[in-house]
Amino acid sequence: MTTIAPMAQSATPRDGDAVVIPVAANSMMADSPAAFPETGCLSPQFVPDLVQVDEPAESEYYIFRSPCRSTKQIAAIQDQMPSGTFTPPPADWTHLCNTRRILTHGGTLRLLALGDSIVNDTMRSGWVAGLEAAYPGVQIQATVYVRSGGGCQHYRWGDRVQKYILPRRPDLVFIGGISHASVDDIREVIRQLRKGLPEVEILLATGAFGRTDPRDAAAMAAASYSGSSEYGRALRALAAEERCAYLDMTGPWVEYILSSKLHPHRFYRDRTHANEYGEQILAKIMLAFFTAPDQHAGTARHRP
């Protein structure tokens, strides 16, 4: 295990090669106020202020600890970010009983986030620090396992679940992002997780950001990662079949962007990925999910 300096958005390899996108492939560029570089991304205004711990991983894969931002820095970003609103996603606690118990009664919650650079951005937002603030009796040990363009079609092979996930014995695995090739790949990863950790709880989430214009409802409904697409419906069905929780991140993200009355690229650092403000939209959605009222028990969750 090696301790390194905080990760800078403009330099991180986790942004990978997905940032070089022809203008014609992204309709948002037609009226974009942003001048994105041809390679890389815009320089961050807020470099993550916590020392990051990286762990050994194979080439093109990254394993690190979260949160990457302090609550003080998160507050500073949110104070400056454009305002917006969204409908909080309903808490889906049915298959997160152990997670709910730890959050409400205290203890250590071992969380592992699995996916692509969008998952990287979600975890870099620092929402884990916000969740600890919302539940003061909880210590969250959060690990991020990502690959640029990485989906479960990558994690299902090469004994990656057995080598890199099971030894960490997570209580909760968060699977999200925009890069999964199929729901069947996600199902296979779930089954490998459950084979090694029968009691593990899993949260499946649809995607946000990417190249599709959130102002175009038809395009979003056709996006391969959207909650309103065939993929979103299939992911929800998979969650029910495999006893996983489900979170539609697409809908709240679109709502926030539209309610801001700003061009979507105000929340992007390149043509695909969130900047610090966009990351905080993702953080707000995650926190809204985990601090929402328990609809089954009727008890209120803590709110940050």
Protein backbone atom coordinates (compact mmCIF):
# COMPACT_ATOMS: atom_id res chain seq x y z
CA MET A 1 0.00 0.00 0.00
CA THR A 2 1.40 3.37 -0.99
CA THR A 3 0.36 6.82 0.18
CA ILE A 4 0.50 9.43 -2.57
CA ALA A 5 -0.46 13.04 -3.04
CA PRO A 6 -4.09 13.97 -3.69
CA MET A 7 -5.28 13.13 -7.19
CA ALA A 8 -5.56 16.06 -9.61
CA GLN A 9 -8.39 15.79 -12.10
CA SER A 10 -6.28 17.09 -14.96
CA ALA A 11 -3.61 14.46 -14.47
CA THR A 12 -5.40 11.35 -13.30
CA PRO A 13 -5.07 8.25 -15.49
CA ARG A 14 -8.55 7.31 -14.38
CA ASP A 15 -9.93 9.74 -16.94
CA GLY A 16 -8.25 7.52 -19.50
CA ASP A 17 -8.56 7.74 -23.23
CA ALA A 18 -12.32 8.22 -23.27
CA VAL A 19 -11.98 12.00 -23.23
CA VAL A 20 -10.95 12.39 -26.89
CA ILE A 21 -14.34 12.53 -28.64
CA PRO A 22 -15.08 13.94 -32.11
CA VAL A 23 -17.32 17.00 -31.92
CA ALA A 24 -19.85 15.36 -34.22
CA ALA A 25 -20.33 12.58 -31.67
CA ASN A 26 -21.48 14.97 -28.97
CA SER A 27 -24.49 17.19 -29.72
CA MET A 28 -23.80 19.30 -26.64
CA MET A 29 -20.74 20.76 -28.37
CA ALA A 30 -22.89 22.71 -30.86
CA ASP A 31 -23.82 25.36 -28.27
CA SER A 32 -21.23 24.60 -25.62
CA PRO A 33 -19.72 27.49 -23.63
CA ALA A 34 -16.73 25.30 -22.75
CA ALA A 35 -13.41 25.17 -24.56
CA PHE A 36 -12.34 21.62 -23.80
CA PRO A 37 -8.80 20.62 -24.77
CA GLU A 38 -8.41 17.98 -27.48
CA THR A 39 -6.79 15.67 -24.93
CA GLY A 40 -7.10 15.61 -21.18
CA CYS A 41 -9.50 17.93 -19.41
CA LEU A 42 -9.94 21.40 -17.96
CA SER A 43 -7.86 22.14 -14.88
CA PRO A 44 -9.74 21.69 -11.60
CA GLN A 45 -10.61 24.60 -9.36
CA PHE A 46 -10.51 22.31 -6.32
CA VAL A 47 -7.79 19.65 -6.24
CA PRO A 48 -8.89 16.91 -3.80
CA ASP A 49 -7.47 17.92 -0.42
CA LEU A 50 -7.15 14.56 1.31
CA VAL A 51 -4.13 12.31 0.96
CA GLN A 52 -5.10 9.41 -1.26
CA VAL A 53 -4.12 5.81 -0.58
CA ASP A 54 -3.60 3.71 -3.70
CA GLU A 55 -3.38 -0.07 -3.57
CA PRO A 56 -1.73 -2.51 -6.01
CA ALA A 57 -3.78 -3.36 -9.10
CA GLU A 58 -3.16 -4.76 -12.55
CA SER A 59 -2.41 -2.47 -15.49
CA GLU A 60 -5.34 -0.18 -16.50
CA TYR A 61 -7.14 -0.86 -13.21
CA TYR A 62 -7.05 1.37 -10.13
CA ILE A 63 -7.80 0.68 -6.48
CA PHE A 64 -7.87 3.53 -4.00
CA ARG A 65 -9.55 4.72 -0.83
CA SER A 66 -12.37 7.27 -0.57
CA PRO A 67 -13.27 9.97 0.44
CA CYS A 68 -10.81 12.12 -1.50
CA ARG A 69 -12.24 15.41 -0.20
CA SER A 70 -12.79 16.83 3.26
CA THR A 71 -16.20 18.05 4.39
CA LYS A 72 -14.71 21.57 4.44
CA GLN A 73 -13.75 21.36 0.76
CA ILE A 74 -17.08 19.80 -0.16
CA ALA A 75 -18.87 22.71 1.51
CA ALA A 76 -16.70 25.20 -0.39
CA ILE A 77 -17.50 23.54 -3.73
CA GLN A 78 -21.21 23.36 -3.01
CA ASP A 79 -21.20 27.00 -1.93
CA GLN A 80 -19.91 28.01 -5.38
CA MET A 81 -21.69 25.51 -7.63
CA PRO A 82 -24.72 26.53 -9.69
CA SER A 83 -27.94 25.78 -7.86
CA GLY A 84 -30.43 23.19 -8.98
CA THR A 85 -33.06 20.81 -7.66
CA PHE A 86 -34.07 17.20 -8.15
CA THR A 87 -36.61 14.77 -6.79
CA PRO A 88 -34.84 12.60 -4.20
CA PRO A 89 -34.69 8.97 -5.29
CA PRO A 90 -36.66 6.63 -3.06
CA ALA A 91 -34.57 4.68 -0.58
CA ASP A 92 -34.55 1.01 -1.52
CA TRP A 93 -33.72 -0.58 1.84
CA THR A 94 -35.39 -3.95 1.26
CA HIS A 95 -32.12 -5.66 0.38
CA LEU A 96 -29.86 -3.32 2.37
CA CYS A 97 -30.88 -4.44 5.85
CA ASN A 98 -27.35 -4.83 7.19
CA THR A 99 -26.26 -1.52 5.67
CA ARG A 100 -29.24 0.21 7.28
CA ARG A 101 -28.50 -1.45 10.63
CA ILE A 102 -24.89 -0.24 10.61
CA LEU A 103 -25.87 3.27 9.57
CA THR A 104 -28.56 3.64 12.20
CA HIS A 105 -26.88 1.83 15.10
CA GLY A 106 -23.23 2.58 14.42
CA GLY A 107 -20.16 0.55 13.59
CA THR A 108 -17.92 0.05 10.58
CA LEU A 109 -19.38 -0.17 7.08
CA ARG A 110 -17.07 -1.65 4.45
CA LEU A 111 -18.07 -0.24 1.05
CA LEU A 112 -16.59 -1.13 -2.33
CA ALA A 113 -17.47 0.85 -5.48
CA LEU A 114 -17.02 -0.95 -8.80
CA GLY A 115 -17.10 0.46 -12.32
CA ASP A 116 -15.59 3.07 -14.61
CA SER A 117 -14.41 6.69 -14.57
CA ILE A 118 -17.96 7.84 -13.74
CA VAL A 119 -17.83 5.72 -10.59
CA ASN A 120 -14.39 7.23 -9.95
CA ASP A 121 -15.94 10.72 -10.15
CA THR A 122 -18.83 9.70 -7.91
CA MET A 123 -16.44 8.48 -5.23
CA ARG A 124 -14.05 11.42 -5.67
CA SER A 125 -16.97 13.75 -4.88
CA GLY A 126 -16.54 12.95 -1.20
CA TRP A 127 -20.11 11.78 -0.62
CA VAL A 128 -18.73 9.15 1.76
CA ALA A 129 -17.57 11.96 4.07
CA GLY A 130 -21.07 13.42 3.86
CA LEU A 131 -22.58 10.07 4.78
CA GLU A 132 -20.33 9.80 7.84
CA ALA A 133 -21.45 13.29 8.83
CA ALA A 134 -25.09 12.24 8.43
CA TYR A 135 -24.53 9.13 10.57
CA PRO A 136 -21.96 10.19 13.21
CA GLY A 137 -21.73 6.72 14.77
CA VAL A 138 -20.50 5.11 11.56
CA GLN A 139 -16.99 4.69 10.20
CA ILE A 140 -17.02 3.96 6.48
CA GLN A 141 -14.10 2.09 4.94
CA ALA A 142 -14.62 2.86 1.26
CA THR A 143 -12.56 1.28 -1.51
CA VAL A 144 -12.85 2.20 -5.19
CA TYR A 145 -12.02 -0.37 -7.90
CA VAL A 146 -12.25 1.19 -11.36
CA ARG A 147 -11.05 0.95 -14.94
CA SER A 148 -11.40 3.60 -17.65
CA GLY A 149 -14.35 2.37 -19.69
CA GLY A 150 -14.62 -0.45 -17.18
CA GLY A 151 -17.80 -2.44 -16.82
CA CYS A 152 -18.72 -5.84 -15.44
CA GLN A 153 -17.66 -7.36 -18.76
CA HIS A 154 -14.13 -6.73 -17.45
CA TYR A 155 -14.63 -7.61 -13.79
CA ARG A 156 -16.29 -10.97 -14.46
CA TRP A 157 -13.10 -12.37 -16.01
CA GLY A 158 -9.56 -13.00 -14.79
CA ASP A 159 -10.66 -13.97 -11.27
CA ARG A 160 -10.86 -10.24 -10.51
CA VAL A 161 -13.75 -10.62 -8.09
CA GLN A 162 -11.86 -13.33 -6.24
CA LYS A 163 -8.52 -11.49 -6.22
CA TYR A 164 -9.50 -7.88 -5.65
CA ILE A 165 -12.96 -7.76 -4.08
CA LEU A 166 -13.60 -10.81 -1.90
CA PRO A 167 -10.45 -10.37 0.26
CA ARG A 168 -11.75 -6.91 1.28
CA ARG A 169 -14.97 -8.50 2.56
CA PRO A 170 -17.25 -5.55 1.73
CA ASP A 171 -20.59 -5.25 3.46
CA LEU A 172 -21.93 -3.25 0.51
CA VAL A 173 -20.88 -3.22 -3.15
CA PHE A 174 -21.95 -0.29 -5.33
CA ILE A 175 -22.00 -1.10 -9.07
CA GLY A 176 -22.57 1.89 -11.35
CA GLY A 177 -21.25 3.89 -14.27
CA ILE A 178 -21.98 4.08 -17.99
CA SER A 179 -19.76 1.33 -19.38
CA HIS A 180 -21.42 -2.03 -18.71
CA ALA A 181 -21.76 -4.07 -21.89
CA SER A 182 -24.80 -6.01 -20.71
CA VAL A 183 -27.00 -6.79 -17.74
CA ASP A 184 -25.84 -10.40 -18.01
CA ASP A 185 -22.29 -9.28 -17.22
CA ILE A 186 -23.56 -7.54 -14.08
CA ARG A 187 -25.52 -10.66 -13.12
CA GLU A 188 -22.38 -12.79 -13.40
CA VAL A 189 -20.41 -10.43 -11.15
CA ILE A 190 -23.25 -10.49 -8.61
CA ARG A 191 -23.21 -14.28 -8.57
CA GLN A 192 -19.44 -14.38 -8.11
CA LEU A 193 -19.76 -11.93 -5.24
CA ARG A 194 -22.50 -13.95 -3.57
CA LYS A 195 -20.61 -17.21 -4.04
CA GLY A 196 -17.70 -15.83 -2.02
CA LEU A 197 -19.68 -13.53 0.28
CA PRO A 198 -23.24 -14.87 0.66
CA GLU A 199 -24.31 -11.98 2.92
CA VAL A 200 -22.91 -9.14 0.81
CA GLU A 201 -25.40 -6.40 -0.09
CA ILE A 202 -25.37 -4.81 -3.54
CA LEU A 203 -26.60 -1.49 -4.91
CA LEU A 204 -27.06 -1.27 -8.69
CA ALA A 205 -27.18 2.22 -10.22
CA THR A 206 -27.87 3.63 -13.66
CA GLY A 207 -25.45 6.13 -15.19
CA ALA A 208 -24.99 9.88 -15.41
CA PHE A 209 -22.85 12.26 -17.47
CA GLY A 210 -21.34 10.68 -20.59
CA ARG A 211 -21.89 12.06 -24.09
CA THR A 212 -25.69 12.11 -24.31
CA ASP A 213 -27.34 15.53 -24.00
CA PRO A 214 -29.57 15.55 -20.89
CA ARG A 215 -31.73 18.23 -22.56
CA ASP A 216 -32.80 15.68 -25.20
CA ALA A 217 -35.34 13.32 -23.62
CA ALA A 218 -35.45 11.03 -26.66
CA ALA A 219 -31.67 10.71 -26.71
CA MET A 220 -31.61 9.96 -22.99
CA ALA A 221 -34.27 7.30 -23.44
CA ALA A 222 -32.00 5.63 -25.99
CA ALA A 223 -28.75 6.00 -24.02
CA SER A 224 -27.11 2.71 -23.14
CA TYR A 225 -26.79 3.63 -19.45
CA SER A 226 -29.96 5.64 -18.77
CA GLY A 227 -32.60 4.84 -16.21
CA SER A 228 -35.29 5.65 -18.79
CA SER A 229 -33.84 3.28 -21.39
CA GLU A 230 -34.24 -0.44 -21.99
CA TYR A 231 -31.05 -0.88 -19.97
CA GLY A 232 -32.54 0.94 -16.99
CA ARG A 233 -35.63 -1.27 -17.04
CA ALA A 234 -33.48 -4.39 -17.35
CA LEU A 235 -31.24 -3.25 -14.49
CA ARG A 236 -34.25 -2.65 -12.24
CA ALA A 237 -35.53 -6.14 -13.08
CA LEU A 238 -32.10 -7.62 -12.38
CA ALA A 239 -32.03 -5.92 -8.99
CA ALA A 240 -35.36 -7.53 -8.11
CA GLU A 241 -34.27 -10.95 -9.37
CA GLU A 242 -30.93 -10.92 -7.55
CA ARG A 243 -32.13 -9.23 -4.33
CA CYS A 244 -30.16 -6.03 -4.89
CA ALA A 245 -31.07 -2.41 -4.22
CA TYR A 246 -31.66 -0.16 -7.23
CA LEU A 247 -30.85 3.52 -7.74
CA ASP A 248 -31.77 5.52 -10.82
CA MET A 249 -29.07 8.19 -10.89
CA THR A 250 -29.99 9.33 -14.40
CA GLY A 251 -33.32 10.95 -13.55
CA PRO A 252 -32.15 13.12 -10.64
CA TRP A 253 -29.02 14.12 -12.57
CA VAL A 254 -31.09 15.24 -15.58
CA GLU A 255 -33.47 17.13 -13.27
CA TYR A 256 -30.63 19.01 -11.61
CA ILE A 257 -29.04 19.99 -14.93
CA LEU A 258 -32.35 21.18 -16.40
CA SER A 259 -33.36 23.07 -13.26
CA SER A 260 -30.05 24.97 -13.25
CA LYS A 261 -31.05 26.61 -16.57
CA LEU A 262 -27.40 26.31 -17.64
CA HIS A 263 -25.67 24.49 -20.45
CA PRO A 264 -24.80 20.96 -19.24
CA HIS A 265 -21.11 21.57 -19.90
CA ARG A 266 -21.02 23.95 -16.94
CA PHE A 267 -20.85 20.71 -14.96
CA TYR A 268 -18.27 18.91 -17.15
CA ARG A 269 -14.46 18.93 -17.17
CA ASP A 270 -14.27 17.33 -20.64
CA ARG A 271 -16.81 16.01 -23.11
CA THR A 272 -17.67 13.00 -20.94
CA HIS A 273 -16.83 13.54 -17.27
CA ALA A 274 -18.03 15.70 -14.39
CA ASN A 275 -16.08 18.64 -13.01
CA GLU A 276 -16.17 19.42 -9.28
CA TYR A 277 -19.70 20.85 -9.57
CA GLY A 278 -20.90 17.84 -11.52
CA GLU A 279 -19.34 15.52 -8.98
CA GLN A 280 -21.35 17.23 -6.28
CA ILE A 281 -24.57 16.52 -8.18
CA LEU A 282 -23.63 12.85 -7.98
CA ALA A 283 -22.79 13.24 -4.29
CA LYS A 284 -26.15 14.88 -3.58
CA ILE A 285 -27.96 12.00 -5.30
CA MET A 286 -26.04 9.36 -3.35
CA LEU A 287 -26.66 11.13 -0.05
CA ALA A 288 -30.33 11.63 -0.86
CA PHE A 289 -30.66 7.88 -1.42
CA PHE A 290 -28.93 6.89 1.81
CA THR A 291 -30.63 9.51 3.99
CA ALA A 292 -34.17 9.19 2.62
CA PRO A 293 -37.04 8.06 4.87
CA ASP A 294 -37.47 4.32 5.22
CA GLN A 295 -40.73 3.82 3.38
CA HIS A 296 -41.27 0.36 4.84
CA ALA A 297 -40.60 1.09 8.52
CA GLY A 298 -41.73 4.72 8.41
CA THR A 299 -38.67 5.92 10.32
CA ALA A 300 -36.68 8.92 9.22
CA ARG A 301 -33.06 8.63 8.21
CA HIS A 302 -30.53 11.21 9.28
CA ARG A 303 -30.00 14.09 6.90
CA PRO A 304 -26.73 15.98 6.38
